[in-house]
Amino acid sequence: MNAPPDSRRLAPAGPGGPGQTARYRERARNVAPLVVIFIALCLAAASCGGNAAHAVNPLRVQPCTVLGQPARCGTLAVPEDRLTGQGRRIGISFVVLLATGHNRAPDPVVYFAGGPGGSAIGDIRAALNQLAGLNRDRDLVFIDQRGTGSSNGLDCPAPPSTLAGKAQVRRSIESCLNHLRGQADLRFYTSAMAAGDVAQVLTALRYGQVNLFGGSYGATAAQIFQQLFPGRVRTMTLLSGTLLSLPVFEQFPRASQQALGSVFARCASDPACHGAFPQLAADWAQLRASVAARPVTLRATEALRRSRADDQRNRRSARPPGQHERCREHLAQQPPAR
C-alpha cells in the first residue's frame, strides 16, 4: 500500500488558472480513497493493541518429546494486566502430554502445581506417578502459572542464611521487591489472574470442558478456576486441599503445636513409650532451649540423600494398587464433556 501523499503536493503552486485547479481536483479525487484505506488500517491496528506480533499470533506451539513421550510444547502471550488488557505481555508456558491410546477423550486432565510458586512443567516427572494411567485416554496439560517456572518466573535473591529479627526479614523482603519491580507488576500476579491465563491457554488449544487435578496450593488454584469458569469444569480432584475460606498459612503454628502435643499425649498413655520416655515433653523443651542457646551445625548431605530416597519409596508404596484404573473408571462414569 502506498503511503498518503504529502499534502504540499495537493496544494496548487501559486495563482494557477482554471486548468491547474481542475488538475488539482482530479488528483484529490484519486488520492481520497487511498487516504481512507490508510486511516482504516491504522485504526484497526490500534484496536488490536498496536502490536502486530501479538495481534497476529500470540500462540506458539510445536511438537516435542518429554520423558520419551510425544507432546506439544509452547507459550501463549497474555496481558500481564488482565483487567484492562493493556501494557506488558508475558509468555505463559505449557506442555501437553498427548494421550497414548487410540480412543482419545476430548476432555484433558489439567494439572495445578502446589506452592504457591511450584512449576507445573517442573512437576511432570513426579505428577506422572499419579496421572500416568489417565494419560492413556486423555491429554495431560501442564501450565506454568504466571510468575513461576518459565512463565516470567519471579525469583528473589537468596536471603541471608539467618534472618534474626523482624527488621532483617523486612530488609530481605524489600530487597526482593526492588529486584522484581523491573520485571513484573506484582499487583497482577494473583491466583485469579493465573486462572484467567489457564482458561485462555485451554481455549487457544481448543479444549472445551476439562478435568482439574491439584494438590496443596494446587487444590486452591483449581477451586479458584472452578469458581471463575464453572462451565469449563467436568470433574475436579483435590489432594491435601483446604477450603478457600480457611486461612491455611495462619493455622500452621497452632496446628504444628497441636500435632506435637498429640504425640506427647499418646506417648504418655502408652506404657511402653512412657517407660522409655517418661519425661518426653520436658526433654523436648530442654533440647529446644539448649539448641536455641547454642546452635549445633551438622553435615546433613548423606542424611538428606537418604531422606529423599525414603520419600520416593514411601510415595511408591503409598499409591494403592489399581489407583490409575479407578481414576480412569471414575472419569468415564461422569457425564460426557460439552
C-alpha atoms as a PDB file:
ATOM      1  CA  MET A   1       0.000   0.000   0.000  1.00  0.00           C
ATOM      2  CA  ASN A   2       1.278   3.443  -0.915  1.00  0.00           C
ATOM      3  CA  ALA A   3       1.742   5.985   1.853  1.00  0.00           C
ATOM      4  CA  PRO A   4      -0.595   9.030   1.730  1.00  0.00           C
ATOM      5  CA  PRO A   5       0.853  11.740  -0.478  1.00  0.00           C
ATOM      6  CA  ASP A   6       2.493  14.775   1.031  1.00  0.00           C
ATOM      7  CA  SER A   7      -0.224  17.448   1.455  1.00  0.00           C
ATOM      8  CA  ARG A   8       2.086  20.009  -0.121  1.00  0.00           C
ATOM      9  CA  ARG A   9       1.788  18.178  -3.436  1.00  0.00           C
ATOM     10  CA  LEU A  10      -2.017  18.632  -3.354  1.00  0.00           C
ATOM     11  CA  ALA A  11      -1.926  22.413  -2.984  1.00  0.00           C
ATOM     12  CA  PRO A  12      -1.847  24.414  -6.224  1.00  0.00           C
ATOM     13  CA  ALA A  13       1.520  26.127  -6.627  1.00  0.00           C
ATOM     14  CA  GLY A  14       0.779  29.834  -6.920  1.00  0.00           C
ATOM     15  CA  PRO A  15      -2.194  31.541  -8.541  1.00  0.00           C
ATOM     16  CA  GLY A  16      -2.854  28.940 -11.215  1.00  0.00           C
ATOM     17  CA  GLY A  17      -5.541  29.256 -13.776  1.00  0.00           C
ATOM     18  CA  PRO A  18      -8.667  27.125 -14.329  1.00  0.00           C
ATOM     19  CA  GLY A  19      -6.729  24.249 -15.895  1.00  0.00           C
ATOM     20  CA  GLN A  20      -4.384  23.987 -12.952  1.00  0.00           C
ATOM     21  CA  THR A  21      -7.331  23.955 -10.495  1.00  0.00           C
ATOM     22  CA  ALA A  22      -9.061  21.198 -12.456  1.00  0.00           C
ATOM     23  CA  ARG A  23      -5.914  19.057 -12.366  1.00  0.00           C
ATOM     24  CA  TYR A  24      -5.712  19.556  -8.592  1.00  0.00           C
ATOM     25  CA  ARG A  25      -9.357  18.452  -8.087  1.00  0.00           C
ATOM     26  CA  GLU A  26      -8.840  15.376 -10.259  1.00  0.00           C
ATOM     27  CA  ARG A  27      -5.709  14.397  -8.323  1.00  0.00           C
ATOM     28  CA  ALA A  28      -7.536  14.884  -4.984  1.00  0.00           C
ATOM     29  CA  ARG A  29     -10.369  12.584  -6.116  1.00  0.00           C
ATOM     30  CA  ASN A  30      -7.856   9.838  -6.975  1.00  0.00           C
ATOM     31  CA  VAL A  31      -5.994  10.118  -3.669  1.00  0.00           C
ATOM     32  CA  ALA A  32      -9.012  10.300  -1.336  1.00  0.00           C
ATOM     33  CA  PRO A  33      -9.801   6.514  -1.391  1.00  0.00           C
ATOM     34  CA  LEU A  34      -6.171   5.726  -0.536  1.00  0.00           C
ATOM     35  CA  VAL A  35      -6.279   8.070   2.442  1.00  0.00           C
ATOM     36  CA  VAL A  36      -9.483   6.441   3.733  1.00  0.00           C
ATOM     37  CA  ILE A  37      -7.971   2.940   3.436  1.00  0.00           C
ATOM     38  CA  PHE A  38      -4.796   4.038   5.202  1.00  0.00           C
ATOM     39  CA  ILE A  39      -6.722   5.560   8.124  1.00  0.00           C
ATOM     40  CA  ALA A  40      -8.923   2.448   8.461  1.00  0.00           C
ATOM     41  CA  LEU A  41      -5.902   0.182   8.658  1.00  0.00           C
ATOM     42  CA  CYS A  42      -4.268   2.389  11.290  1.00  0.00           C
ATOM     43  CA  LEU A  43      -7.428   2.321  13.420  1.00  0.00           C
ATOM     44  CA  ALA A  44      -7.627  -1.472  13.111  1.00  0.00           C
ATOM     45  CA  ALA A  45      -4.037  -1.828  14.269  1.00  0.00           C
ATOM     46  CA  ALA A  46      -4.676   0.472  17.233  1.00  0.00           C
ATOM     47  CA  SER A  47      -7.752  -1.508  18.286  1.00  0.00           C
ATOM     48  CA  CYS A  48      -5.597  -4.636  18.451  1.00  0.00           C
ATOM     49  CA  GLY A  49      -3.215  -3.047  20.907  1.00  0.00           C
ATOM     50  CA  GLY A  50      -0.851  -1.601  18.358  1.00  0.00           C
ATOM     51  CA  ASN A  51       1.402  -4.693  18.489  1.00  0.00           C
ATOM     52  CA  ALA A  52       1.198  -6.670  15.288  1.00  0.00           C
ATOM     53  CA  ALA A  53       3.177  -9.613  16.644  1.00  0.00           C
ATOM     54  CA  HIS A  54       0.658 -10.239  19.432  1.00  0.00           C
ATOM     55  CA  ALA A  55      -2.362  -9.494  17.253  1.00  0.00           C
ATOM     56  CA  VAL A  56      -1.347 -11.914  14.516  1.00  0.00           C
ATOM     57  CA  ASN A  57      -0.350 -14.982  16.514  1.00  0.00           C
ATOM     58  CA  PRO A  58       0.070 -14.914  20.315  1.00  0.00           C
ATOM     59  CA  LEU A  59       0.216 -18.742  20.413  1.00  0.00           C
ATOM     60  CA  ARG A  60       3.441 -20.593  19.700  1.00  0.00           C
ATOM     61  CA  VAL A  61       3.286 -24.388  19.831  1.00  0.00           C
ATOM     62  CA  GLN A  62       5.382 -27.149  18.327  1.00  0.00           C
ATOM     63  CA  PRO A  63       5.788 -30.926  18.650  1.00  0.00           C
ATOM     64  CA  CYS A  64       8.265 -32.039  21.315  1.00  0.00           C
ATOM     65  CA  THR A  65       9.240 -35.064  23.363  1.00  0.00           C
ATOM     66  CA  VAL A  66       9.000 -35.058  27.166  1.00  0.00           C
ATOM     67  CA  LEU A  67      10.304 -38.015  29.173  1.00  0.00           C
ATOM     68  CA  GLY A  68      10.203 -40.075  25.997  1.00  0.00           C
ATOM     69  CA  GLN A  69       6.551 -39.246  25.265  1.00  0.00           C
ATOM     70  CA  PRO A  70       5.168 -37.290  22.311  1.00  0.00           C
ATOM     71  CA  ALA A  71       3.984 -33.884  23.448  1.00  0.00           C
ATOM     72  CA  ARG A  72       3.202 -30.330  22.382  1.00  0.00           C
ATOM     73  CA  CYS A  73       5.247 -27.524  23.924  1.00  0.00           C
ATOM     74  CA  GLY A  74       4.606 -23.826  23.597  1.00  0.00           C
ATOM     75  CA  THR A  75       3.779 -20.429  25.010  1.00  0.00           C
ATOM     76  CA  LEU A  76       0.826 -18.091  24.808  1.00  0.00           C
ATOM     77  CA  ALA A  77       1.330 -14.331  25.081  1.00  0.00           C
ATOM     78  CA  VAL A  78      -1.213 -12.854  27.513  1.00  0.00           C
ATOM     79  CA  PRO A  79      -1.618  -9.376  29.014  1.00  0.00           C
ATOM     80  CA  GLU A  80       0.080  -9.023  32.381  1.00  0.00           C
ATOM     81  CA  ASP A  81      -2.845  -6.777  33.343  1.00  0.00           C
ATOM     82  CA  ARG A  82      -5.870  -8.929  32.555  1.00  0.00           C
ATOM     83  CA  LEU A  83      -8.233  -6.211  33.865  1.00  0.00           C
ATOM     84  CA  THR A  84      -7.556  -3.789  31.009  1.00  0.00           C
ATOM     85  CA  GLY A  85      -5.579  -5.900  28.552  1.00  0.00           C
ATOM     86  CA  GLN A  86      -3.100  -3.042  28.198  1.00  0.00           C
ATOM     87  CA  GLY A  87       0.634  -2.846  28.812  1.00  0.00           C
ATOM     88  CA  ARG A  88       3.235  -5.592  29.024  1.00  0.00           C
ATOM     89  CA  ARG A  89       2.690  -9.078  27.606  1.00  0.00           C
ATOM     90  CA  ILE A  90       4.074 -12.181  29.294  1.00  0.00           C
ATOM     91  CA  GLY A  91       4.503 -15.676  27.906  1.00  0.00           C
ATOM     92  CA  ILE A  92       2.598 -18.494  29.619  1.00  0.00           C
ATOM     93  CA  SER A  93       4.441 -21.772  29.021  1.00  0.00           C
ATOM     94  CA  PHE A  94       2.682 -25.113  28.712  1.00  0.00           C
ATOM     95  CA  VAL A  95       3.317 -28.763  27.891  1.00  0.00           C
ATOM     96  CA  VAL A  96       0.643 -31.171  26.665  1.00  0.00           C
ATOM     97  CA  LEU A  97       1.410 -34.886  27.002  1.00  0.00           C
ATOM     98  CA  LEU A  98      -0.682 -36.433  24.259  1.00  0.00           C
ATOM     99  CA  ALA A  99      -2.962 -39.373  25.049  1.00  0.00           C
ATOM    100  CA  THR A 100      -1.137 -42.632  24.374  1.00  0.00           C
ATOM    101  CA  GLY A 101      -4.192 -44.725  23.482  1.00  0.00           C
ATOM    102  CA  HIS A 102      -6.309 -44.836  20.346  1.00  0.00           C
ATOM    103  CA  ASN A 103      -9.602 -43.731  21.971  1.00  0.00           C
ATOM    104  CA  ARG A 104      -8.656 -40.205  22.983  1.00  0.00           C
ATOM    105  CA  ALA A 105     -11.316 -38.383  25.027  1.00  0.00           C
ATOM    106  CA  PRO A 106     -11.865 -34.680  24.244  1.00  0.00           C
ATOM    107  CA  ASP A 107     -11.539 -33.526  27.871  1.00  0.00           C
ATOM    108  CA  PRO A 108      -7.929 -33.404  29.134  1.00  0.00           C
ATOM    109  CA  VAL A 109      -6.629 -33.536  32.692  1.00  0.00           C
ATOM    110  CA  VAL A 110      -5.209 -30.150  33.741  1.00  0.00           C
ATOM    111  CA  TYR A 111      -2.574 -30.273  36.478  1.00  0.00           C
ATOM    112  CA  PHE A 112      -2.227 -27.438  39.024  1.00  0.00           C
ATOM    113  CA  ALA A 113       1.110 -27.251  40.864  1.00  0.00           C
ATOM    114  CA  GLY A 114       1.470 -26.665  44.594  1.00  0.00           C
ATOM    115  CA  GLY A 115       3.398 -23.996  46.396  1.00  0.00           C
ATOM    116  CA  PRO A 116       2.436 -21.295  45.804  1.00  0.00           C
ATOM    117  CA  GLY A 117       5.342 -20.967  43.432  1.00  0.00           C
ATOM    118  CA  GLY A 118       5.680 -24.503  42.072  1.00  0.00           C
ATOM    119  CA  SER A 119       6.228 -25.124  38.363  1.00  0.00           C
ATOM    120  CA  ALA A 120       3.675 -27.440  36.772  1.00  0.00           C
ATOM    121  CA  ILE A 121       6.095 -28.258  33.964  1.00  0.00           C
ATOM    122  CA  GLY A 122       8.819 -28.958  36.510  1.00  0.00           C
ATOM    123  CA  ASP A 123       6.432 -31.366  38.280  1.00  0.00           C
ATOM    124  CA  ILE A 124       5.780 -33.543  35.219  1.00  0.00           C
ATOM    125  CA  ARG A 125       8.014 -36.436  36.258  1.00  0.00           C
ATOM    126  CA  ALA A 126       6.548 -36.606  39.774  1.00  0.00           C
ATOM    127  CA  ALA A 127       2.970 -35.986  38.565  1.00  0.00           C
ATOM    128  CA  LEU A 128       3.125 -38.963  36.225  1.00  0.00           C
ATOM    129  CA  ASN A 129       3.321 -41.202  39.312  1.00  0.00           C
ATOM    130  CA  GLN A 130      -0.319 -40.267  39.873  1.00  0.00           C
ATOM    131  CA  LEU A 131      -1.555 -39.442  36.384  1.00  0.00           C
ATOM    132  CA  ALA A 132       0.199 -41.852  34.029  1.00  0.00           C
ATOM    133  CA  GLY A 133      -2.800 -44.181  33.873  1.00  0.00           C
ATOM    134  CA  LEU A 134      -5.095 -41.328  32.874  1.00  0.00           C
ATOM    135  CA  ASN A 135      -2.769 -40.442  30.000  1.00  0.00           C
ATOM    136  CA  ARG A 136      -3.967 -43.487  28.067  1.00  0.00           C
ATOM    137  CA  ASP A 137      -7.318 -41.887  27.262  1.00  0.00           C
ATOM    138  CA  ARG A 138      -6.684 -38.190  27.870  1.00  0.00           C
ATOM    139  CA  ASP A 139      -4.144 -35.486  27.197  1.00  0.00           C
ATOM    140  CA  LEU A 140      -2.343 -34.194  30.291  1.00  0.00           C
ATOM    141  CA  VAL A 141      -1.940 -30.412  30.341  1.00  0.00           C
ATOM    142  CA  PHE A 142       0.761 -28.723  32.442  1.00  0.00           C
ATOM    143  CA  ILE A 143       0.712 -24.904  32.538  1.00  0.00           C
ATOM    144  CA  ASP A 144       3.289 -22.870  34.441  1.00  0.00           C
ATOM    145  CA  GLN A 145       1.403 -20.288  36.480  1.00  0.00           C
ATOM    146  CA  ARG A 146       2.438 -16.686  35.843  1.00  0.00           C
ATOM    147  CA  GLY A 147       5.477 -15.862  37.938  1.00  0.00           C
ATOM    148  CA  THR A 148       6.656 -19.490  38.140  1.00  0.00           C
ATOM    149  CA  GLY A 149       8.879 -21.704  36.022  1.00  0.00           C
ATOM    150  CA  SER A 150       9.246 -20.333  32.514  1.00  0.00           C
ATOM    151  CA  SER A 151       6.107 -18.131  32.674  1.00  0.00           C
ATOM    152  CA  ASN A 152       8.005 -14.954  33.568  1.00  0.00           C
ATOM    153  CA  GLY A 153       9.391 -16.722  36.637  1.00  0.00           C
ATOM    154  CA  LEU A 154       9.968 -14.368  39.577  1.00  0.00           C
ATOM    155  CA  ASP A 155      12.960 -15.398  41.678  1.00  0.00           C
ATOM    156  CA  CYS A 156      14.252 -13.363  44.588  1.00  0.00           C
ATOM    157  CA  PRO A 157      17.923 -13.114  45.569  1.00  0.00           C
ATOM    158  CA  ALA A 158      18.867 -15.655  48.219  1.00  0.00           C
ATOM    159  CA  PRO A 159      18.288 -14.202  51.705  1.00  0.00           C
ATOM    160  CA  PRO A 160      20.958 -14.311  54.406  1.00  0.00           C
ATOM    161  CA  SER A 161      21.496 -17.720  55.969  1.00  0.00           C
ATOM    162  CA  THR A 162      19.875 -16.436  59.160  1.00  0.00           C
ATOM    163  CA  LEU A 163      17.105 -13.849  59.472  1.00  0.00           C
ATOM    164  CA  ALA A 164      17.450 -12.615  63.033  1.00  0.00           C
ATOM    165  CA  GLY A 165      14.511 -10.394  63.841  1.00  0.00           C
ATOM    166  CA  LYS A 166      11.731  -8.584  62.036  1.00  0.00           C
ATOM    167  CA  ALA A 167      13.991  -5.806  60.746  1.00  0.00           C
ATOM    168  CA  GLN A 168      16.191  -8.237  58.817  1.00  0.00           C
ATOM    169  CA  VAL A 169      13.148 -10.046  57.460  1.00  0.00           C
ATOM    170  CA  ARG A 170      11.725  -6.717  56.273  1.00  0.00           C
ATOM    171  CA  ARG A 171      15.006  -5.768  54.570  1.00  0.00           C
ATOM    172  CA  SER A 172      15.114  -9.118  52.800  1.00  0.00           C
ATOM    173  CA  ILE A 173      11.540  -8.680  51.518  1.00  0.00           C
ATOM    174  CA  GLU A 174      12.226  -5.121  50.355  1.00  0.00           C
ATOM    175  CA  SER A 175      15.344  -6.335  48.536  1.00  0.00           C
ATOM    176  CA  CYS A 176      13.253  -8.937  46.747  1.00  0.00           C
ATOM    177  CA  LEU A 177      10.583  -6.409  45.748  1.00  0.00           C
ATOM    178  CA  ASN A 178      13.178  -3.996  44.388  1.00  0.00           C
ATOM    179  CA  HIS A 179      14.746  -6.819  42.397  1.00  0.00           C
ATOM    180  CA  LEU A 180      11.415  -7.783  40.796  1.00  0.00           C
ATOM    181  CA  ARG A 181       9.979  -4.334  40.025  1.00  0.00           C
ATOM    182  CA  GLY A 182      11.630  -4.044  36.639  1.00  0.00           C
ATOM    183  CA  GLN A 183      10.437  -7.500  35.614  1.00  0.00           C
ATOM    184  CA  ALA A 184       6.822  -7.533  36.748  1.00  0.00           C
ATOM    185  CA  ASP A 185       3.952  -5.543  38.189  1.00  0.00           C
ATOM    186  CA  LEU A 186       3.281  -7.716  41.229  1.00  0.00           C
ATOM    187  CA  ARG A 187      -0.303  -6.463  41.573  1.00  0.00           C
ATOM    188  CA  PHE A 188      -1.242  -8.766  38.719  1.00  0.00           C
ATOM    189  CA  TYR A 189       0.374 -11.974  39.991  1.00  0.00           C
ATOM    190  CA  THR A 190      -2.668 -13.374  41.752  1.00  0.00           C
ATOM    191  CA  SER A 191      -4.426 -16.721  41.700  1.00  0.00           C
ATOM    192  CA  ALA A 192      -7.411 -15.200  39.890  1.00  0.00           C
ATOM    193  CA  MET A 193      -5.211 -13.719  37.144  1.00  0.00           C
ATOM    194  CA  ALA A 194      -3.461 -17.081  36.805  1.00  0.00           C
ATOM    195  CA  ALA A 195      -6.815 -18.829  36.430  1.00  0.00           C
ATOM    196  CA  GLY A 196      -7.610 -16.481  33.553  1.00  0.00           C
ATOM    197  CA  ASP A 197      -4.317 -17.459  31.918  1.00  0.00           C
ATOM    198  CA  VAL A 198      -5.190 -21.154  32.208  1.00  0.00           C
ATOM    199  CA  ALA A 199      -8.600 -20.577  30.631  1.00  0.00           C
ATOM    200  CA  GLN A 200      -7.016 -18.615  27.775  1.00  0.00           C
ATOM    201  CA  VAL A 201      -4.413 -21.321  27.125  1.00  0.00           C
ATOM    202  CA  LEU A 202      -7.096 -24.036  27.092  1.00  0.00           C
ATOM    203  CA  THR A 203      -9.166 -22.007  24.636  1.00  0.00           C
ATOM    204  CA  ALA A 204      -6.148 -21.436  22.394  1.00  0.00           C
ATOM    205  CA  LEU A 205      -5.509 -25.209  22.401  1.00  0.00           C
ATOM    206  CA  ARG A 206      -9.192 -25.751  21.513  1.00  0.00           C
ATOM    207  CA  TYR A 207     -10.188 -27.673  24.615  1.00  0.00           C
ATOM    208  CA  GLY A 208     -13.716 -27.385  25.964  1.00  0.00           C
ATOM    209  CA  GLN A 209     -14.536 -28.900  29.345  1.00  0.00           C
ATOM    210  CA  VAL A 210     -11.584 -30.202  31.349  1.00  0.00           C
ATOM    211  CA  ASN A 211     -10.789 -32.296  34.423  1.00  0.00           C
ATOM    212  CA  LEU A 212      -8.866 -30.450  37.148  1.00  0.00           C
ATOM    213  CA  PHE A 213      -6.221 -32.105  39.321  1.00  0.00           C
ATOM    214  CA  GLY A 214      -4.364 -30.284  42.098  1.00  0.00           C
ATOM    215  CA  GLY A 215      -2.730 -30.858  45.458  1.00  0.00           C
ATOM    216  CA  SER A 216      -1.909 -28.479  48.311  1.00  0.00           C
ATOM    217  CA  TYR A 217      -1.927 -24.961  46.817  1.00  0.00           C
ATOM    218  CA  GLY A 218      -2.796 -26.632  43.509  1.00  0.00           C
ATOM    219  CA  ALA A 219      -6.108 -27.608  45.106  1.00  0.00           C
ATOM    220  CA  THR A 220      -6.665 -23.944  45.962  1.00  0.00           C
ATOM    221  CA  ALA A 221      -5.824 -22.827  42.418  1.00  0.00           C
ATOM    222  CA  ALA A 222      -8.185 -25.454  40.994  1.00  0.00           C
ATOM    223  CA  GLN A 223     -11.047 -24.240  43.217  1.00  0.00           C
ATOM    224  CA  ILE A 224     -10.482 -20.656  42.092  1.00  0.00           C
ATOM    225  CA  PHE A 225     -10.557 -21.773  38.450  1.00  0.00           C
ATOM    226  CA  GLN A 226     -13.823 -23.631  39.115  1.00  0.00           C
ATOM    227  CA  GLN A 227     -15.385 -20.551  40.707  1.00  0.00           C
ATOM    228  CA  LEU A 228     -14.402 -18.276  37.825  1.00  0.00           C
ATOM    229  CA  PHE A 229     -15.067 -20.726  34.970  1.00  0.00           C
ATOM    230  CA  PRO A 230     -17.615 -23.279  36.258  1.00  0.00           C
ATOM    231  CA  GLY A 231     -18.827 -24.162  32.787  1.00  0.00           C
ATOM    232  CA  ARG A 232     -15.403 -25.428  31.781  1.00  0.00           C
ATOM    233  CA  VAL A 233     -15.017 -27.916  34.639  1.00  0.00           C
ATOM    234  CA  ARG A 234     -16.163 -31.513  34.095  1.00  0.00           C
ATOM    235  CA  THR A 235     -14.519 -33.037  37.209  1.00  0.00           C
ATOM    236  CA  MET A 236     -12.183 -31.839  39.942  1.00  0.00           C
ATOM    237  CA  THR A 237      -9.786 -33.979  42.003  1.00  0.00           C
ATOM    238  CA  LEU A 238      -8.175 -32.306  45.027  1.00  0.00           C
ATOM    239  CA  LEU A 239      -5.390 -33.731  47.197  1.00  0.00           C
ATOM    240  CA  SER A 240      -4.434 -32.295  50.610  1.00  0.00           C
ATOM    241  CA  GLY A 241      -6.586 -29.285  49.916  1.00  0.00           C
ATOM    242  CA  THR A 242      -8.411 -26.787  52.102  1.00  0.00           C
ATOM    243  CA  LEU A 243     -11.485 -24.646  51.583  1.00  0.00           C
ATOM    244  CA  LEU A 244     -10.842 -21.207  50.122  1.00  0.00           C
ATOM    245  CA  SER A 245     -12.331 -19.624  53.255  1.00  0.00           C
ATOM    246  CA  LEU A 246      -9.692 -21.231  55.514  1.00  0.00           C
ATOM    247  CA  PRO A 247      -6.559 -19.115  56.177  1.00  0.00           C
ATOM    248  CA  VAL A 248      -4.282 -22.137  55.978  1.00  0.00           C
ATOM    249  CA  PHE A 249      -0.916 -20.424  56.481  1.00  0.00           C
ATOM    250  CA  GLU A 250      -2.143 -18.671  59.619  1.00  0.00           C
ATOM    251  CA  GLN A 251      -3.110 -22.092  61.007  1.00  0.00           C
ATOM    252  CA  PHE A 252       0.378 -23.607  60.669  1.00  0.00           C
ATOM    253  CA  PRO A 253       1.818 -22.621  64.098  1.00  0.00           C
ATOM    254  CA  ARG A 254      -1.245 -23.726  66.036  1.00  0.00           C
ATOM    255  CA  ALA A 255      -1.662 -26.948  64.029  1.00  0.00           C
ATOM    256  CA  SER A 256       2.024 -27.826  64.463  1.00  0.00           C
ATOM    257  CA  GLN A 257       1.831 -27.315  68.216  1.00  0.00           C
ATOM    258  CA  GLN A 258      -1.344 -29.411  68.420  1.00  0.00           C
ATOM    259  CA  ALA A 259       0.324 -32.235  66.480  1.00  0.00           C
ATOM    260  CA  LEU A 260       3.358 -32.182  68.789  1.00  0.00           C
ATOM    261  CA  GLY A 261       1.107 -32.142  71.869  1.00  0.00           C
ATOM    262  CA  SER A 262      -0.807 -35.111  70.473  1.00  0.00           C
ATOM    263  CA  VAL A 263       2.447 -37.094  70.163  1.00  0.00           C
ATOM    264  CA  PHE A 264       3.341 -36.311  73.789  1.00  0.00           C
ATOM    265  CA  ALA A 265      -0.145 -37.337  74.985  1.00  0.00           C
ATOM    266  CA  ARG A 266      -0.139 -40.606  73.050  1.00  0.00           C
ATOM    267  CA  CYS A 267       3.301 -41.470  74.396  1.00  0.00           C
ATOM    268  CA  ALA A 268       2.191 -40.741  77.944  1.00  0.00           C
ATOM    269  CA  SER A 269      -0.828 -43.066  77.560  1.00  0.00           C
ATOM    270  CA  ASP A 270       1.238 -45.918  76.065  1.00  0.00           C
ATOM    271  CA  PRO A 271       3.050 -47.975  78.751  1.00  0.00           C
ATOM    272  CA  ALA A 272       5.997 -48.924  76.534  1.00  0.00           C
ATOM    273  CA  CYS A 273       6.547 -45.387  75.219  1.00  0.00           C
ATOM    274  CA  HIS A 274       6.071 -43.831  78.650  1.00  0.00           C
ATOM    275  CA  GLY A 275       8.535 -46.297  80.123  1.00  0.00           C
ATOM    276  CA  ALA A 276      11.172 -45.365  77.522  1.00  0.00           C
ATOM    277  CA  PHE A 277      10.447 -41.600  77.639  1.00  0.00           C
ATOM    278  CA  PRO A 278       8.858 -40.775  80.992  1.00  0.00           C
ATOM    279  CA  GLN A 279       9.569 -37.033  80.602  1.00  0.00           C
ATOM    280  CA  LEU A 280       9.151 -36.653  76.849  1.00  0.00           C
ATOM    281  CA  ALA A 281       7.559 -33.178  76.872  1.00  0.00           C
ATOM    282  CA  ALA A 282      10.120 -31.870  79.378  1.00  0.00           C
ATOM    283  CA  ASP A 283      13.004 -33.452  77.471  1.00  0.00           C
ATOM    284  CA  TRP A 284      11.801 -31.789  74.265  1.00  0.00           C
ATOM    285  CA  ALA A 285      11.550 -28.379  75.930  1.00  0.00           C
ATOM    286  CA  GLN A 286      15.069 -28.748  77.373  1.00  0.00           C
ATOM    287  CA  LEU A 287      16.501 -29.803  73.986  1.00  0.00           C
ATOM    288  CA  ARG A 288      14.842 -26.869  72.244  1.00  0.00           C
ATOM    289  CA  ALA A 289      16.177 -24.390  74.761  1.00  0.00           C
ATOM    290  CA  SER A 290      19.724 -25.754  74.571  1.00  0.00           C
ATOM    291  CA  VAL A 291      19.808 -25.648  70.757  1.00  0.00           C
ATOM    292  CA  ALA A 292      18.442 -22.113  70.777  1.00  0.00           C
ATOM    293  CA  ALA A 293      21.195 -21.052  73.141  1.00  0.00           C
ATOM    294  CA  ARG A 294      23.994 -22.964  71.380  1.00  0.00           C
ATOM    295  CA  PRO A 295      23.120 -23.909  67.779  1.00  0.00           C
ATOM    296  CA  VAL A 296      24.636 -27.159  66.524  1.00  0.00           C
ATOM    297  CA  THR A 297      25.946 -27.424  62.944  1.00  0.00           C
ATOM    298  CA  LEU A 298      25.688 -30.841  61.279  1.00  0.00           C
ATOM    299  CA  ARG A 299      26.732 -32.110  57.865  1.00  0.00           C
ATOM    300  CA  ALA A 300      23.454 -33.424  56.511  1.00  0.00           C
ATOM    301  CA  THR A 301      24.382 -34.332  52.928  1.00  0.00           C
ATOM    302  CA  GLU A 302      24.157 -38.093  53.426  1.00  0.00           C
ATOM    303  CA  ALA A 303      21.134 -37.807  55.688  1.00  0.00           C
ATOM    304  CA  LEU A 304      19.366 -35.644  53.091  1.00  0.00           C
ATOM    305  CA  ARG A 305      20.130 -38.147  50.336  1.00  0.00           C
ATOM    306  CA  ARG A 306      18.711 -40.977  52.426  1.00  0.00           C
ATOM    307  CA  SER A 307      15.669 -38.905  53.327  1.00  0.00           C
ATOM    308  CA  ARG A 308      14.904 -38.254  49.656  1.00  0.00           C
ATOM    309  CA  ALA A 309      15.334 -41.932  48.816  1.00  0.00           C
ATOM    310  CA  ASP A 310      12.999 -42.886  51.681  1.00  0.00           C
ATOM    311  CA  ASP A 311      10.475 -40.303  50.496  1.00  0.00           C
ATOM    312  CA  GLN A 312      10.476 -41.734  46.979  1.00  0.00           C
ATOM    313  CA  ARG A 313       9.965 -45.262  48.326  1.00  0.00           C
ATOM    314  CA  ASN A 314       7.135 -44.084  50.545  1.00  0.00           C
ATOM    315  CA  ARG A 315       5.412 -42.363  47.636  1.00  0.00           C
ATOM    316  CA  ARG A 316       5.583 -45.508  45.542  1.00  0.00           C
ATOM    317  CA  SER A 317       4.323 -47.734  48.355  1.00  0.00           C
ATOM    318  CA  ALA A 318       1.594 -45.268  49.367  1.00  0.00           C
ATOM    319  CA  ARG A 319      -0.068 -45.471  45.957  1.00  0.00           C
ATOM    320  CA  PRO A 320      -2.704 -48.221  46.236  1.00  0.00           C
ATOM    321  CA  PRO A 321      -2.668 -50.891  43.514  1.00  0.00           C
ATOM    322  CA  GLY A 322      -5.129 -50.121  40.751  1.00  0.00           C
ATOM    323  CA  GLN A 323      -5.432 -46.438  41.623  1.00  0.00           C
ATOM    324  CA  HIS A 324      -4.963 -45.397  37.990  1.00  0.00           C
ATOM    325  CA  GLU A 325      -7.697 -47.762  36.852  1.00  0.00           C
ATOM    326  CA  ARG A 326     -10.132 -46.466  39.478  1.00  0.00           C
ATOM    327  CA  CYS A 327      -9.438 -42.881  38.404  1.00  0.00           C
ATOM    328  CA  ARG A 328      -9.995 -43.783  34.767  1.00  0.00           C
ATOM    329  CA  GLU A 329     -13.269 -45.527  35.656  1.00  0.00           C
ATOM    330  CA  HIS A 330     -14.387 -42.534  37.729  1.00  0.00           C
ATOM    331  CA  LEU A 331     -13.779 -40.100  34.856  1.00  0.00           C
ATOM    332  CA  ALA A 332     -15.519 -42.453  32.415  1.00  0.00           C
ATOM    333  CA  GLN A 333     -18.636 -42.554  34.628  1.00  0.00           C
ATOM    334  CA  GLN A 334     -19.121 -38.779  34.606  1.00  0.00           C
ATOM    335  CA  PRO A 335     -21.362 -37.056  32.021  1.00  0.00           C
ATOM    336  CA  PRO A 336     -19.655 -36.531  28.657  1.00  0.00           C
ATOM    337  CA  ALA A 337     -17.700 -33.321  28.214  1.00  0.00           C
ATOM    338  CA  ARG A 338     -19.514 -30.487  26.492  1.00  0.00           C
END
